[in-house]
Structures are given as structure tokens and as C-alpha cells.
Amino acid sequence: MANLYDLKKFDLNLLVIFECIYQH
């Protein structure tokens, strides 16, 4: 279960980074 949670967190971080790159 912890693995899935970590994966979700990583996914969210990726989305945030992608948005930052897209805005620049």
C-alpha cells in the first residue's frame, strides 16, 4: 500500500514540474 502512495506522490510531483516547464 505504501508503494502505491509513493507512486501517487511521485506522479503529483511530476505534474507540478511539468506545469512549471510548460509555463516558462
PDB file of N, CA and C in Angstrom:
ATOM      1  N   MET A   1       0.842  -1.204   0.000  1.00  0.00           N
ATOM      2  CA  MET A   1       0.000   0.000   0.000  1.00  0.00           C
ATOM      3  C   MET A   1       0.881   1.260   0.000  1.00  0.00           C
ATOM      4  N   ALA A   2       1.966   1.191   0.749  1.00  0.00           N
ATOM      5  CA  ALA A   2       2.873   2.347   0.825  1.00  0.00           C
ATOM      6  C   ALA A   2       3.473   2.644  -0.543  1.00  0.00           C
ATOM      7  N   ASN A   3       3.747   1.595  -1.301  1.00  0.00           N
ATOM      8  CA  ASN A   3       4.329   1.783  -2.627  1.00  0.00           C
ATOM      9  C   ASN A   3       3.388   2.573  -3.516  1.00  0.00           C
ATOM     10  N   LEU A   4       2.113   2.226  -3.487  1.00  0.00           N
ATOM     11  CA  LEU A   4       1.122   2.909  -4.319  1.00  0.00           C
ATOM     12  C   LEU A   4       1.041   4.385  -3.926  1.00  0.00           C
ATOM     13  N   TYR A   5       1.082   4.645  -2.621  1.00  0.00           N
ATOM     14  CA  TYR A   5       1.013   6.027  -2.146  1.00  0.00           C
ATOM     15  C   TYR A   5       2.218   6.823  -2.637  1.00  0.00           C
ATOM     16  N   ASP A   6       3.398   6.216  -2.543  1.00  0.00           N
ATOM     17  CA  ASP A   6       4.619   6.888  -3.012  1.00  0.00           C
ATOM     18  C   ASP A   6       4.524   7.171  -4.499  1.00  0.00           C
ATOM     19  N   LEU A   7       3.985   6.215  -5.239  1.00  0.00           N
ATOM     20  CA  LEU A   7       3.858   6.379  -6.686  1.00  0.00           C
ATOM     21  C   LEU A   7       2.923   7.547  -6.995  1.00  0.00           C
ATOM     22  N   LYS A   8       1.837   7.643  -6.251  1.00  0.00           N
ATOM     23  CA  LYS A   8       0.887   8.741  -6.468  1.00  0.00           C
ATOM     24  C   LYS A   8       1.550  10.074  -6.167  1.00  0.00           C
ATOM     25  N   LYS A   9       2.317  10.106  -5.081  1.00  0.00           N
ATOM     26  CA  LYS A   9       3.016  11.340  -4.710  1.00  0.00           C
ATOM     27  C   LYS A   9       4.000  11.730  -5.808  1.00  0.00           C
ATOM     28  N   PHE A  10       4.703  10.737  -6.326  1.00  0.00           N
ATOM     29  CA  PHE A  10       5.679  10.993  -7.384  1.00  0.00           C
ATOM     30  C   PHE A  10       4.969  11.525  -8.622  1.00  0.00           C
ATOM     31  N   ASP A  11       3.793  10.967  -8.912  1.00  0.00           N
ATOM     32  CA  ASP A  11       3.011  11.403 -10.063  1.00  0.00           C
ATOM     33  C   ASP A  11       2.626  12.877  -9.909  1.00  0.00           C
ATOM     34  N   LEU A  12       2.188  13.253  -8.726  1.00  0.00           N
ATOM     35  CA  LEU A  12       1.794  14.640  -8.483  1.00  0.00           C
ATOM     36  C   LEU A  12       2.985  15.565  -8.662  1.00  0.00           C
ATOM     37  N   ASN A  13       4.128  15.150  -8.139  1.00  0.00           N
ATOM     38  CA  ASN A  13       5.342  15.964  -8.284  1.00  0.00           C
ATOM     39  C   ASN A  13       5.689  16.143  -9.746  1.00  0.00           C
ATOM     40  N   LEU A  14       5.548  15.076 -10.523  1.00  0.00           N
ATOM     41  CA  LEU A  14       5.849  15.147 -11.947  1.00  0.00           C
ATOM     42  C   LEU A  14       4.920  16.148 -12.619  1.00  0.00           C
ATOM     43  N   LEU A  15       3.650  16.124 -12.256  1.00  0.00           N
ATOM     44  CA  LEU A  15       2.681  17.041 -12.847  1.00  0.00           C
ATOM     45  C   LEU A  15       3.063  18.484 -12.544  1.00  0.00           C
ATOM     46  N   VAL A  16       3.455  18.744 -11.308  1.00  0.00           N
ATOM     47  CA  VAL A  16       3.839  20.105 -10.911  1.00  0.00           C
ATOM     48  C   VAL A  16       5.047  20.564 -11.712  1.00  0.00           C
ATOM     49  N   ILE A  17       6.043  19.694 -11.827  1.00  0.00           N
ATOM     50  CA  ILE A  17       7.254  20.041 -12.579  1.00  0.00           C
ATOM     51  C   ILE A  17       6.902  20.295 -14.035  1.00  0.00           C
ATOM     52  N   PHE A  18       6.055  19.452 -14.591  1.00  0.00           N
ATOM     53  CA  PHE A  18       5.663  19.597 -15.989  1.00  0.00           C
ATOM     54  C   PHE A  18       4.952  20.927 -16.212  1.00  0.00           C
ATOM     55  N   GLU A  19       4.103  21.299 -15.257  1.00  0.00           N
ATOM     56  CA  GLU A  19       3.388  22.578 -15.371  1.00  0.00           C
ATOM     57  C   GLU A  19       4.373  23.736 -15.337  1.00  0.00           C
ATOM     58  N   CYS A  20       5.355  23.654 -14.460  1.00  0.00           N
ATOM     59  CA  CYS A  20       6.376  24.710 -14.357  1.00  0.00           C
ATOM     60  C   CYS A  20       7.110  24.853 -15.684  1.00  0.00           C
ATOM     61  N   ILE A  21       7.498  23.740 -16.273  1.00  0.00           N
ATOM     62  CA  ILE A  21       8.220  23.781 -17.550  1.00  0.00           C
ATOM     63  C   ILE A  21       7.309  24.347 -18.636  1.00  0.00           C
ATOM     64  N   TYR A  22       6.040  23.961 -18.603  1.00  0.00           N
ATOM     65  CA  TYR A  22       5.102  24.399 -19.643  1.00  0.00           C
ATOM     66  C   TYR A  22       4.870  25.910 -19.573  1.00  0.00           C
ATOM     67  N   GLN A  23       4.855  26.448 -18.357  1.00  0.00           N
ATOM     68  CA  GLN A  23       4.586  27.884 -18.196  1.00  0.00           C
ATOM     69  C   GLN A  23       5.753  28.734 -18.679  1.00  0.00           C
ATOM     70  N   HIS A  24       6.969  28.209 -18.577  1.00  0.00           N
ATOM     71  CA  HIS A  24       8.142  29.017 -18.955  1.00  0.00           C
ATOM     72  C   HIS A  24       8.308  29.118 -20.452  1.00  0.00           C
TER      73      HIS A  24
END
